[in-house]
PDB file of N, CA and C in Angstrom:
ATOM      1  N   MET A   1       0.852  -1.179   0.000  1.00  0.00           N
ATOM      2  CA  MET A   1       0.000   0.000   0.000  1.00  0.00           C
ATOM      3  C   MET A   1       0.896   1.240   0.000  1.00  0.00           C
ATOM      4  N   PRO A   2       0.647   2.178  -0.917  1.00  0.00           N
ATOM      5  CA  PRO A   2       1.470   3.392  -0.956  1.00  0.00           C
ATOM      6  C   PRO A   2       1.306   4.219   0.315  1.00  0.00           C
ATOM      7  N   GLU A   3       2.339   4.940   0.640  1.00  0.00           N
ATOM      8  CA  GLU A   3       2.314   5.831   1.813  1.00  0.00           C
ATOM      9  C   GLU A   3       2.615   7.239   1.346  1.00  0.00           C
ATOM     10  N   LEU A   4       1.850   8.191   1.842  1.00  0.00           N
ATOM     11  CA  LEU A   4       2.111   9.596   1.570  1.00  0.00           C
ATOM     12  C   LEU A   4       2.873  10.140   2.762  1.00  0.00           C
ATOM     13  N   LYS A   5       4.079  10.646   2.509  1.00  0.00           N
ATOM     14  CA  LYS A   5       4.906  11.095   3.617  1.00  0.00           C
ATOM     15  C   LYS A   5       4.332  12.357   4.258  1.00  0.00           C
ATOM     16  N   ASN A   6       4.775  12.657   5.460  1.00  0.00           N
ATOM     17  CA  ASN A   6       4.360  13.870   6.155  1.00  0.00           C
ATOM     18  C   ASN A   6       4.884  15.086   5.399  1.00  0.00           C
ATOM     19  N   ASN A   7       4.110  16.152   5.406  1.00  0.00           N
ATOM     20  CA  ASN A   7       4.467  17.391   4.720  1.00  0.00           C
ATOM     21  C   ASN A   7       4.843  17.150   3.259  1.00  0.00           C
ATOM     22  N   PRO A   8       3.957  16.518   2.498  1.00  0.00           N
ATOM     23  CA  PRO A   8       4.291  16.173   1.114  1.00  0.00           C
ATOM     24  C   PRO A   8       4.339  17.400   0.203  1.00  0.00           C
ATOM     25  N   THR A   9       5.170  17.295  -0.817  1.00  0.00           N
ATOM     26  CA  THR A   9       5.186  18.289  -1.875  1.00  0.00           C
ATOM     27  C   THR A   9       4.125  17.895  -2.896  1.00  0.00           C
ATOM     28  N   LEU A  10       3.889  18.763  -3.847  1.00  0.00           N
ATOM     29  CA  LEU A  10       2.949  18.417  -4.902  1.00  0.00           C
ATOM     30  C   LEU A  10       3.458  17.226  -5.709  1.00  0.00           C
ATOM     31  N   ALA A  11       4.770  17.162  -5.901  1.00  0.00           N
ATOM     32  CA  ALA A  11       5.362  16.006  -6.596  1.00  0.00           C
ATOM     33  C   ALA A  11       5.105  14.719  -5.809  1.00  0.00           C
ATOM     34  N   ASP A  12       5.143  14.799  -4.486  1.00  0.00           N
ATOM     35  CA  ASP A  12       4.845  13.628  -3.650  1.00  0.00           C
ATOM     36  C   ASP A  12       3.399  13.170  -3.859  1.00  0.00           C
ATOM     37  N   PHE A  13       2.471  14.130  -3.952  1.00  0.00           N
ATOM     38  CA  PHE A  13       1.074  13.773  -4.210  1.00  0.00           C
ATOM     39  C   PHE A  13       0.949  13.080  -5.564  1.00  0.00           C
ATOM     40  N   GLN A  14       1.630  13.611  -6.584  1.00  0.00           N
ATOM     41  CA  GLN A  14       1.552  12.992  -7.908  1.00  0.00           C
ATOM     42  C   GLN A  14       2.114  11.575  -7.890  1.00  0.00           C
ATOM     43  N   LYS A  15       3.212  11.370  -7.213  1.00  0.00           N
ATOM     44  CA  LYS A  15       3.809  10.036  -7.114  1.00  0.00           C
ATOM     45  C   LYS A  15       2.866   9.088  -6.365  1.00  0.00           C
ATOM     46  N   TYR A  16       2.291   9.569  -5.264  1.00  0.00           N
ATOM     47  CA  TYR A  16       1.364   8.770  -4.468  1.00  0.00           C
ATOM     48  C   TYR A  16       0.156   8.348  -5.314  1.00  0.00           C
ATOM     49  N   VAL A  17      -0.407   9.289  -6.075  1.00  0.00           N
ATOM     50  CA  VAL A  17      -1.569   8.970  -6.910  1.00  0.00           C
ATOM     51  C   VAL A  17      -1.198   7.924  -7.949  1.00  0.00           C
ATOM     52  N   SER A  18      -0.028   8.039  -8.543  1.00  0.00           N
ATOM     53  CA  SER A  18       0.424   7.048  -9.513  1.00  0.00           C
ATOM     54  C   SER A  18       0.498   5.664  -8.875  1.00  0.00           C
ATOM     55  N   GLU A  19       1.051   5.602  -7.681  1.00  0.00           N
ATOM     56  CA  GLU A  19       1.175   4.321  -6.974  1.00  0.00           C
ATOM     57  C   GLU A  19      -0.184   3.759  -6.576  1.00  0.00           C
ATOM     58  N   LEU A  20      -1.086   4.622  -6.090  1.00  0.00           N
ATOM     59  CA  LEU A  20      -2.393   4.112  -5.661  1.00  0.00           C
ATOM     60  C   LEU A  20      -3.217   3.660  -6.854  1.00  0.00           C
ATOM     61  N   GLU A  21      -3.044   4.318  -8.007  1.00  0.00           N
ATOM     62  CA  GLU A  21      -3.759   3.871  -9.196  1.00  0.00           C
ATOM     63  C   GLU A  21      -3.299   2.483  -9.625  1.00  0.00           C
ATOM     64  N   THR A  22      -1.996   2.243  -9.536  1.00  0.00           N
ATOM     65  CA  THR A  22      -1.467   0.917  -9.866  1.00  0.00           C
ATOM     66  C   THR A  22      -2.023  -0.115  -8.898  1.00  0.00           C
ATOM     67  N   GLU A  23      -1.966   0.188  -7.618  1.00  0.00           N
ATOM     68  CA  GLU A  23      -2.444  -0.749  -6.596  1.00  0.00           C
ATOM     69  C   GLU A  23      -3.936  -1.048  -6.730  1.00  0.00           C
ATOM     70  N   ARG A  24      -4.716  -0.033  -7.053  1.00  0.00           N
ATOM     71  CA  ARG A  24      -6.175  -0.192  -7.099  1.00  0.00           C
ATOM     72  C   ARG A  24      -6.703  -0.588  -8.483  1.00  0.00           C
ATOM     73  N   GLY A  25      -5.807  -0.738  -9.452  1.00  0.00           N
ATOM     74  CA  GLY A  25      -6.216  -1.184 -10.778  1.00  0.00           C
ATOM     75  C   GLY A  25      -6.785  -0.086 -11.667  1.00  0.00           C
ATOM     76  N   PHE A  26      -6.418   1.160 -11.397  1.00  0.00           N
ATOM     77  CA  PHE A  26      -6.935   2.280 -12.189  1.00  0.00           C
ATOM     78  C   PHE A  26      -5.931   2.815 -13.202  1.00  0.00           C
ATOM     79  N   SER A  27      -4.753   2.248 -13.267  1.00  0.00           N
ATOM     80  CA  SER A  27      -3.704   2.820 -14.117  1.00  0.00           C
ATOM     81  C   SER A  27      -4.011   2.692 -15.611  1.00  0.00           C
ATOM     82  N   ASP A  28      -4.934   1.817 -15.979  1.00  0.00           N
ATOM     83  CA  ASP A  28      -5.292   1.672 -17.390  1.00  0.00           C
ATOM     84  C   ASP A  28      -6.365   2.662 -17.837  1.00  0.00           C
ATOM     85  N   GLN A  29      -6.933   3.408 -16.898  1.00  0.00           N
ATOM     86  CA  GLN A  29      -7.942   4.391 -17.277  1.00  0.00           C
ATOM     87  C   GLN A  29      -7.289   5.494 -18.113  1.00  0.00           C
ATOM     88  N   THR A  30      -7.987   5.906 -19.148  1.00  0.00           N
ATOM     89  CA  THR A  30      -7.450   6.920 -20.046  1.00  0.00           C
ATOM     90  C   THR A  30      -7.607   8.318 -19.458  1.00  0.00           C
ATOM     91  N   ILE A  31      -6.957   9.264 -20.108  1.00  0.00           N
ATOM     92  CA  ILE A  31      -7.106  10.652 -19.677  1.00  0.00           C
ATOM     93  C   ILE A  31      -8.559  11.108 -19.840  1.00  0.00           C
ATOM     94  N   ILE A  32      -9.235  10.594 -20.844  1.00  0.00           N
ATOM     95  CA  ILE A  32     -10.656  10.934 -21.015  1.00  0.00           C
ATOM     96  C   ILE A  32     -11.465  10.398 -19.845  1.00  0.00           C
ATOM     97  N   ASP A  33     -11.194   9.149 -19.439  1.00  0.00           N
ATOM     98  CA  ASP A  33     -11.863   8.587 -18.263  1.00  0.00           C
ATOM     99  C   ASP A  33     -11.653   9.495 -17.055  1.00  0.00           C
ATOM    100  N   LYS A  34     -10.414   9.905 -16.851  1.00  0.00           N
ATOM    101  CA  LYS A  34     -10.085  10.726 -15.682  1.00  0.00           C
ATOM    102  C   LYS A  34     -10.756  12.093 -15.755  1.00  0.00           C
ATOM    103  N   CYS A  35     -10.820  12.680 -16.945  1.00  0.00           N
ATOM    104  CA  CYS A  35     -11.480  13.980 -17.091  1.00  0.00           C
ATOM    105  C   CYS A  35     -12.970  13.876 -16.782  1.00  0.00           C
ATOM    106  N   LEU A  36     -13.607  12.808 -17.256  1.00  0.00           N
ATOM    107  CA  LEU A  36     -15.026  12.617 -16.970  1.00  0.00           C
ATOM    108  C   LEU A  36     -15.264  12.395 -15.477  1.00  0.00           C
ATOM    109  N   LEU A  37     -14.399  11.612 -14.853  1.00  0.00           N
ATOM    110  CA  LEU A  37     -14.521  11.390 -13.416  1.00  0.00           C
ATOM    111  C   LEU A  37     -14.280  12.684 -12.637  1.00  0.00           C
ATOM    112  N   LEU A  38     -13.339  13.491 -13.100  1.00  0.00           N
ATOM    113  CA  LEU A  38     -13.096  14.792 -12.467  1.00  0.00           C
ATOM    114  C   LEU A  38     -14.351  15.654 -12.545  1.00  0.00           C
ATOM    115  N   GLY A  39     -14.994  15.664 -13.710  1.00  0.00           N
ATOM    116  CA  GLY A  39     -16.228  16.433 -13.865  1.00  0.00           C
ATOM    117  C   GLY A  39     -17.303  15.993 -12.884  1.00  0.00           C
ATOM    118  N   GLU A  40     -17.431  14.698 -12.678  1.00  0.00           N
ATOM    119  CA  GLU A  40     -18.400  14.183 -11.707  1.00  0.00           C
ATOM    120  C   GLU A  40     -18.079  14.681 -10.304  1.00  0.00           C
ATOM    121  N   GLU A  41     -16.791  14.654  -9.975  1.00  0.00           N
ATOM    122  CA  GLU A  41     -16.386  15.102  -8.635  1.00  0.00           C
ATOM    123  C   GLU A  41     -16.637  16.590  -8.439  1.00  0.00           C
ATOM    124  N   VAL A  42     -16.437  17.375  -9.478  1.00  0.00           N
ATOM    125  CA  VAL A  42     -16.715  18.816  -9.377  1.00  0.00           C
ATOM    126  C   VAL A  42     -18.205  19.018  -9.100  1.00  0.00           C
ATOM    127  N   GLY A  43     -19.052  18.244  -9.778  1.00  0.00           N
ATOM    128  CA  GLY A  43     -20.491  18.313  -9.512  1.00  0.00           C
ATOM    129  C   GLY A  43     -20.817  17.942  -8.077  1.00  0.00           C
ATOM    130  N   GLU A  44     -20.149  16.924  -7.554  1.00  0.00           N
ATOM    131  CA  GLU A  44     -20.365  16.527  -6.162  1.00  0.00           C
ATOM    132  C   GLU A  44     -19.887  17.609  -5.199  1.00  0.00           C
ATOM    133  N   LEU A  45     -18.807  18.286  -5.549  1.00  0.00           N
ATOM    134  CA  LEU A  45     -18.334  19.407  -4.735  1.00  0.00           C
ATOM    135  C   LEU A  45     -19.400  20.501  -4.704  1.00  0.00           C
ATOM    136  N   PHE A  46     -19.944  20.834  -5.850  1.00  0.00           N
ATOM    137  CA  PHE A  46     -20.967  21.876  -5.907  1.00  0.00           C
ATOM    138  C   PHE A  46     -22.172  21.508  -5.052  1.00  0.00           C
ATOM    139  N   LYS A  47     -22.568  20.242  -5.106  1.00  0.00           N
ATOM    140  CA  LYS A  47     -23.704  19.788  -4.310  1.00  0.00           C
ATOM    141  C   LYS A  47     -23.390  19.905  -2.812  1.00  0.00           C
ATOM    142  N   ALA A  48     -22.176  19.525  -2.425  1.00  0.00           N
ATOM    143  CA  ALA A  48     -21.787  19.618  -1.014  1.00  0.00           C
ATOM    144  C   ALA A  48     -21.750  21.073  -0.560  1.00  0.00           C
ATOM    145  N   VAL A  49     -21.262  21.960  -1.415  1.00  0.00           N
ATOM    146  CA  VAL A  49     -21.228  23.387  -1.070  1.00  0.00           C
ATOM    147  C   VAL A  49     -22.645  23.923  -0.942  1.00  0.00           C
ATOM    148  N   ARG A  50     -23.518  23.535  -1.860  1.00  0.00           N
ATOM    149  CA  ARG A  50     -24.919  23.975  -1.762  1.00  0.00           C
ATOM    150  C   ARG A  50     -25.493  23.593  -0.408  1.00  0.00           C
ATOM    151  N   LYS A  51     -25.241  22.379   0.013  1.00  0.00           N
ATOM    152  CA  LYS A  51     -25.783  21.932   1.293  1.00  0.00           C
ATOM    153  C   LYS A  51     -25.211  22.755   2.437  1.00  0.00           C
ATOM    154  N   THR A  52     -23.900  22.968   2.439  1.00  0.00           N
ATOM    155  CA  THR A  52     -23.281  23.701   3.552  1.00  0.00           C
ATOM    156  C   THR A  52     -23.681  25.170   3.563  1.00  0.00           C
ATOM    157  N   GLU A  53     -24.078  25.701   2.408  1.00  0.00           N
ATOM    158  CA  GLU A  53     -24.492  27.102   2.325  1.00  0.00           C
ATOM    159  C   GLU A  53     -25.988  27.284   2.538  1.00  0.00           C
ATOM    160  N   GLY A  54     -26.675  26.181   2.816  1.00  0.00           N
ATOM    161  CA  GLY A  54     -28.093  26.259   3.131  1.00  0.00           C
ATOM    162  C   GLY A  54     -29.007  26.456   1.930  1.00  0.00           C
ATOM    163  N   LEU A  55     -28.511  26.134   0.736  1.00  0.00           N
ATOM    164  CA  LEU A  55     -29.349  26.237  -0.450  1.00  0.00           C
ATOM    165  C   LEU A  55     -30.249  25.011  -0.558  1.00  0.00           C
ATOM    166  N   SER A  56     -31.323  25.142  -1.287  1.00  0.00           N
ATOM    167  CA  SER A  56     -32.252  24.027  -1.459  1.00  0.00           C
ATOM    168  C   SER A  56     -31.560  22.870  -2.163  1.00  0.00           C
ATOM    169  N   VAL A  57     -31.770  21.678  -1.626  1.00  0.00           N
ATOM    170  CA  VAL A  57     -31.203  20.471  -2.205  1.00  0.00           C
ATOM    171  C   VAL A  57     -32.246  19.367  -2.171  1.00  0.00           C
ATOM    172  N   ASP A  58     -32.090  18.391  -3.030  1.00  0.00           N
ATOM    173  CA  ASP A  58     -32.982  17.241  -3.064  1.00  0.00           C
ATOM    174  C   ASP A  58     -32.802  16.446  -1.775  1.00  0.00           C
ATOM    175  N   SER A  59     -33.856  16.264  -1.036  1.00  0.00           N
ATOM    176  CA  SER A  59     -33.763  15.557   0.244  1.00  0.00           C
ATOM    177  C   SER A  59     -33.392  14.090   0.066  1.00  0.00           C
ATOM    178  N   ASN A  60     -33.539  13.540  -1.123  1.00  0.00           N
ATOM    179  CA  ASN A  60     -33.172  12.153  -1.384  1.00  0.00           C
ATOM    180  C   ASN A  60     -31.704  11.997  -1.792  1.00  0.00           C
ATOM    181  N   SER A  61     -31.020  13.117  -2.012  1.00  0.00           N
ATOM    182  CA  SER A  61     -29.619  13.065  -2.423  1.00  0.00           C
ATOM    183  C   SER A  61     -28.730  12.695  -1.244  1.00  0.00           C
ATOM    184  N   THR A  62     -27.634  12.058  -1.576  1.00  0.00           N
ATOM    185  CA  THR A  62     -26.624  11.793  -0.558  1.00  0.00           C
ATOM    186  C   THR A  62     -25.532  12.844  -0.700  1.00  0.00           C
ATOM    187  N   PHE A  63     -24.941  13.202   0.406  1.00  0.00           N
ATOM    188  CA  PHE A  63     -23.950  14.259   0.416  1.00  0.00           C
ATOM    189  C   PHE A  63     -22.715  13.795   1.162  1.00  0.00           C
ATOM    190  N   THR A  64     -21.588  14.298   0.723  1.00  0.00           N
ATOM    191  CA  THR A  64     -20.347  14.073   1.446  1.00  0.00           C
ATOM    192  C   THR A  64     -19.811  15.427   1.869  1.00  0.00           C
ATOM    193  N   GLU A  65     -18.686  15.400   2.525  1.00  0.00           N
ATOM    194  CA  GLU A  65     -18.069  16.627   3.008  1.00  0.00           C
ATOM    195  C   GLU A  65     -17.361  17.355   1.865  1.00  0.00           C
ATOM    196  N   VAL A  66     -17.338  18.677   1.945  1.00  0.00           N
ATOM    197  CA  VAL A  66     -16.607  19.479   0.964  1.00  0.00           C
ATOM    198  C   VAL A  66     -15.153  19.015   0.911  1.00  0.00           C
ATOM    199  N   SER A  67     -14.569  18.731   2.060  1.00  0.00           N
ATOM    200  CA  SER A  67     -13.166  18.306   2.099  1.00  0.00           C
ATOM    201  C   SER A  67     -12.955  16.993   1.349  1.00  0.00           C
ATOM    202  N   ASP A  68     -13.910  16.069   1.435  1.00  0.00           N
ATOM    203  CA  ASP A  68     -13.802  14.804   0.698  1.00  0.00           C
ATOM    204  C   ASP A  68     -13.817  15.050  -0.808  1.00  0.00           C
ATOM    205  N   GLU A  69     -14.702  15.928  -1.247  1.00  0.00           N
ATOM    206  CA  GLU A  69     -14.807  16.199  -2.682  1.00  0.00           C
ATOM    207  C   GLU A  69     -13.573  16.929  -3.201  1.00  0.00           C
ATOM    208  N   LEU A  70     -13.044  17.862  -2.426  1.00  0.00           N
ATOM    209  CA  LEU A  70     -11.812  18.546  -2.826  1.00  0.00           C
ATOM    210  C   LEU A  70     -10.659  17.558  -2.932  1.00  0.00           C
ATOM    211  N   THR A  71     -10.609  16.601  -2.027  1.00  0.00           N
ATOM    212  CA  THR A  71      -9.562  15.583  -2.073  1.00  0.00           C
ATOM    213  C   THR A  71      -9.695  14.726  -3.323  1.00  0.00           C
ATOM    214  N   ASP A  72     -10.914  14.316  -3.647  1.00  0.00           N
ATOM    215  CA  ASP A  72     -11.130  13.540  -4.870  1.00  0.00           C
ATOM    216  C   ASP A  72     -10.686  14.336  -6.100  1.00  0.00           C
ATOM    217  N   ILE A  73     -10.987  15.620  -6.118  1.00  0.00           N
ATOM    218  CA  ILE A  73     -10.588  16.478  -7.239  1.00  0.00           C
ATOM    219  C   ILE A  73      -9.071  16.546  -7.341  1.00  0.00           C
ATOM    220  N   LEU A  74      -8.389  16.681  -6.216  1.00  0.00           N
ATOM    221  CA  LEU A  74      -6.926  16.714  -6.224  1.00  0.00           C
ATOM    222  C   LEU A  74      -6.359  15.405  -6.778  1.00  0.00           C
ATOM    223  N   ILE A  75      -6.939  14.294  -6.389  1.00  0.00           N
ATOM    224  CA  ILE A  75      -6.480  12.992  -6.888  1.00  0.00           C
ATOM    225  C   ILE A  75      -6.620  12.939  -8.405  1.00  0.00           C
ATOM    226  N   TYR A  76      -7.776  13.363  -8.928  1.00  0.00           N
ATOM    227  CA  TYR A  76      -7.972  13.326 -10.383  1.00  0.00           C
ATOM    228  C   TYR A  76      -7.071  14.320 -11.106  1.00  0.00           C
ATOM    229  N   LEU A  77      -6.841  15.491 -10.523  1.00  0.00           N
ATOM    230  CA  LEU A  77      -5.913  16.444 -11.136  1.00  0.00           C
ATOM    231  C   LEU A  77      -4.516  15.847 -11.238  1.00  0.00           C
ATOM    232  N   CYS A  78      -4.081  15.193 -10.178  1.00  0.00           N
ATOM    233  CA  CYS A  78      -2.761  14.547 -10.199  1.00  0.00           C
ATOM    234  C   CYS A  78      -2.728  13.441 -11.255  1.00  0.00           C
ATOM    235  N   ALA A  79      -3.789  12.657 -11.336  1.00  0.00           N
ATOM    236  CA  ALA A  79      -3.840  11.554 -12.305  1.00  0.00           C
ATOM    237  C   ALA A  79      -3.777  12.078 -13.736  1.00  0.00           C
ATOM    238  N   ILE A  80      -4.492  13.161 -14.001  1.00  0.00           N
ATOM    239  CA  ILE A  80      -4.480  13.745 -15.347  1.00  0.00           C
ATOM    240  C   ILE A  80      -3.098  14.306 -15.658  1.00  0.00           C
ATOM    241  N   ALA A  81      -2.517  15.025 -14.718  1.00  0.00           N
ATOM    242  CA  ALA A  81      -1.174  15.577 -14.912  1.00  0.00           C
ATOM    243  C   ALA A  81      -0.170  14.452 -15.152  1.00  0.00           C
ATOM    244  N   ASN A  82      -0.274  13.385 -14.397  1.00  0.00           N
ATOM    245  CA  ASN A  82       0.635  12.247 -14.574  1.00  0.00           C
ATOM    246  C   ASN A  82       0.530  11.668 -15.978  1.00  0.00           C
ATOM    247  N   ARG A  83      -0.685  11.554 -16.485  1.00  0.00           N
ATOM    248  CA  ARG A  83      -0.868  10.989 -17.818  1.00  0.00           C
ATOM    249  C   ARG A  83      -0.296  11.885 -18.910  1.00  0.00           C
ATOM    250  N   LYS A  84      -0.226  13.178 -18.640  1.00  0.00           N
ATOM    251  CA  LYS A  84       0.320  14.125 -19.616  1.00  0.00           C
ATOM    252  C   LYS A  84       1.780  14.472 -19.333  1.00  0.00           C
ATOM    253  N   GLY A  85       2.354  13.873 -18.294  1.00  0.00           N
ATOM    254  CA  GLY A  85       3.751  14.140 -17.963  1.00  0.00           C
ATOM    255  C   GLY A  85       3.987  15.560 -17.464  1.00  0.00           C
ATOM    256  N   ILE A  86       3.002  16.111 -16.781  1.00  0.00           N
ATOM    257  CA  ILE A  86       3.078  17.486 -16.291  1.00  0.00           C
ATOM    258  C   ILE A  86       3.461  17.490 -14.822  1.00  0.00           C
ATOM    259  N   ASP A  87       4.503  18.240 -14.500  1.00  0.00           N
ATOM    260  CA  ASP A  87       4.897  18.496 -13.116  1.00  0.00           C
ATOM    261  C   ASP A  87       4.015  19.650 -12.637  1.00  0.00           C
ATOM    262  N   LEU A  88       3.028  19.345 -11.800  1.00  0.00           N
ATOM    263  CA  LEU A  88       2.060  20.358 -11.388  1.00  0.00           C
ATOM    264  C   LEU A  88       2.695  21.537 -10.658  1.00  0.00           C
ATOM    265  N   GLU A  89       3.698  21.279  -9.838  1.00  0.00           N
ATOM    266  CA  GLU A  89       4.328  22.390  -9.124  1.00  0.00           C
ATOM    267  C   GLU A  89       4.989  23.344 -10.103  1.00  0.00           C
ATOM    268  N   SER A  90       5.725  22.817 -11.047  1.00  0.00           N
ATOM    269  CA  SER A  90       6.384  23.641 -12.049  1.00  0.00           C
ATOM    270  C   SER A  90       5.351  24.395 -12.894  1.00  0.00           C
ATOM    271  N   ALA A  91       4.299  23.697 -13.292  1.00  0.00           N
ATOM    272  CA  ALA A  91       3.243  24.323 -14.092  1.00  0.00           C
ATOM    273  C   ALA A  91       2.558  25.441 -13.304  1.00  0.00           C
ATOM    274  N   PHE A  92       2.336  25.205 -12.012  1.00  0.00           N
ATOM    275  CA  PHE A  92       1.715  26.216 -11.151  1.00  0.00           C
ATOM    276  C   PHE A  92       2.583  27.462 -11.086  1.00  0.00           C
ATOM    277  N   ARG A  93       3.869  27.252 -10.848  1.00  0.00           N
ATOM    278  CA  ARG A  93       4.792  28.392 -10.750  1.00  0.00           C
ATOM    279  C   ARG A  93       4.868  29.171 -12.065  1.00  0.00           C
ATOM    280  N   THR A  94       4.921  28.461 -13.177  1.00  0.00           N
ATOM    281  CA  THR A  94       4.970  29.111 -14.486  1.00  0.00           C
ATOM    282  C   THR A  94       3.705  29.919 -14.739  1.00  0.00           C
ATOM    283  N   LYS A  95       2.565  29.333 -14.444  1.00  0.00           N
ATOM    284  CA  LYS A  95       1.286  30.023 -14.654  1.00  0.00           C
ATOM    285  C   LYS A  95       1.168  31.242 -13.749  1.00  0.00           C
ATOM    286  N   GLU A  96       1.620  31.131 -12.513  1.00  0.00           N
ATOM    287  CA  GLU A  96       1.546  32.271 -11.597  1.00  0.00           C
ATOM    288  C   GLU A  96       2.430  33.423 -12.054  1.00  0.00           C
ATOM    289  N   GLU A  97       3.547  33.124 -12.675  1.00  0.00           N
ATOM    290  CA  GLU A  97       4.390  34.193 -13.227  1.00  0.00           C
ATOM    291  C   GLU A  97       3.636  34.942 -14.321  1.00  0.00           C
ATOM    292  N   LYS A  98       2.875  34.214 -15.127  1.00  0.00           N
ATOM    293  CA  LYS A  98       2.037  34.856 -16.143  1.00  0.00           C
ATOM    294  C   LYS A  98       0.942  35.690 -15.481  1.00  0.00           C
ATOM    295  N   ASN A  99       0.306  35.119 -14.447  1.00  0.00           N
ATOM    296  CA  ASN A  99      -0.778  35.816 -13.756  1.00  0.00           C
ATOM    297  C   ASN A  99      -0.310  37.098 -13.082  1.00  0.00           C
ATOM    298  N   LYS A 100       0.919  37.102 -12.578  1.00  0.00           N
ATOM    299  CA  LYS A 100       1.449  38.295 -11.911  1.00  0.00           C
ATOM    300  C   LYS A 100       1.556  39.478 -12.866  1.00  0.00           C
ATOM    301  N   LYS A 101       1.662  39.197 -14.154  1.00  0.00           N
ATOM    302  CA  LYS A 101       1.801  40.257 -15.150  1.00  0.00           C
ATOM    303  C   LYS A 101       0.450  40.767 -15.641  1.00  0.00           C
ATOM    304  N   ARG A 102      -0.608  40.088 -15.255  1.00  0.00           N
ATOM    305  CA  ARG A 102      -1.945  40.516 -15.674  1.00  0.00           C
ATOM    306  C   ARG A 102      -2.425  41.663 -14.799  1.00  0.00           C
ATOM    307  N   ILE A 103      -3.318  42.446 -15.332  1.00  0.00           N
ATOM    308  CA  ILE A 103      -3.926  43.538 -14.570  1.00  0.00           C
ATOM    309  C   ILE A 103      -5.304  43.075 -14.134  1.00  0.00           C
ATOM    310  N   TRP A 104      -5.479  43.004 -12.824  1.00  0.00           N
ATOM    311  CA  TRP A 104      -6.727  42.510 -12.254  1.00  0.00           C
ATOM    312  C   TRP A 104      -7.557  43.703 -11.779  1.00  0.00           C
ATOM    313  N   LYS A 105      -8.781  43.776 -12.242  1.00  0.00           N
ATOM    314  CA  LYS A 105      -9.642  44.878 -11.802  1.00  0.00           C
ATOM    315  C   LYS A 105     -11.083  44.396 -11.780  1.00  0.00           C
ATOM    316  N   SER A 106     -11.875  45.078 -10.988  1.00  0.00           N
ATOM    317  CA  SER A 106     -13.311  44.780 -10.927  1.00  0.00           C
ATOM    318  C   SER A 106     -13.998  45.440 -12.106  1.00  0.00           C
ATOM    319  N   VAL A 107     -15.061  44.832 -12.553  1.00  0.00           N
ATOM    320  CA  VAL A 107     -15.824  45.429 -13.659  1.00  0.00           C
ATOM    321  C   VAL A 107     -17.143  45.954 -13.174  1.00  0.00           C
TER     322      VAL A 107
END
């Protein structure tokens, strides 16, 4: 069983997800599979947020915690990045350098 070390880096999360996918038999899922599953998790996150914000929800629906859904989303993001050979930390830093040059204003 894979272990995620204490105080993991983003690279550690990506490595852990790769290992858990192998262990759980998910490594053959395609990037399309992972993108569709990510979309489902985003929908579940929205539903959980609706519930926590007191918005009307279907009383027959099942709900999980916002933290659980965010974790599932992180797992799928790592899985997608792994399939594309993307180092998420490096990509994050590169994108933030671009964002720092943008002019942010309210409309």
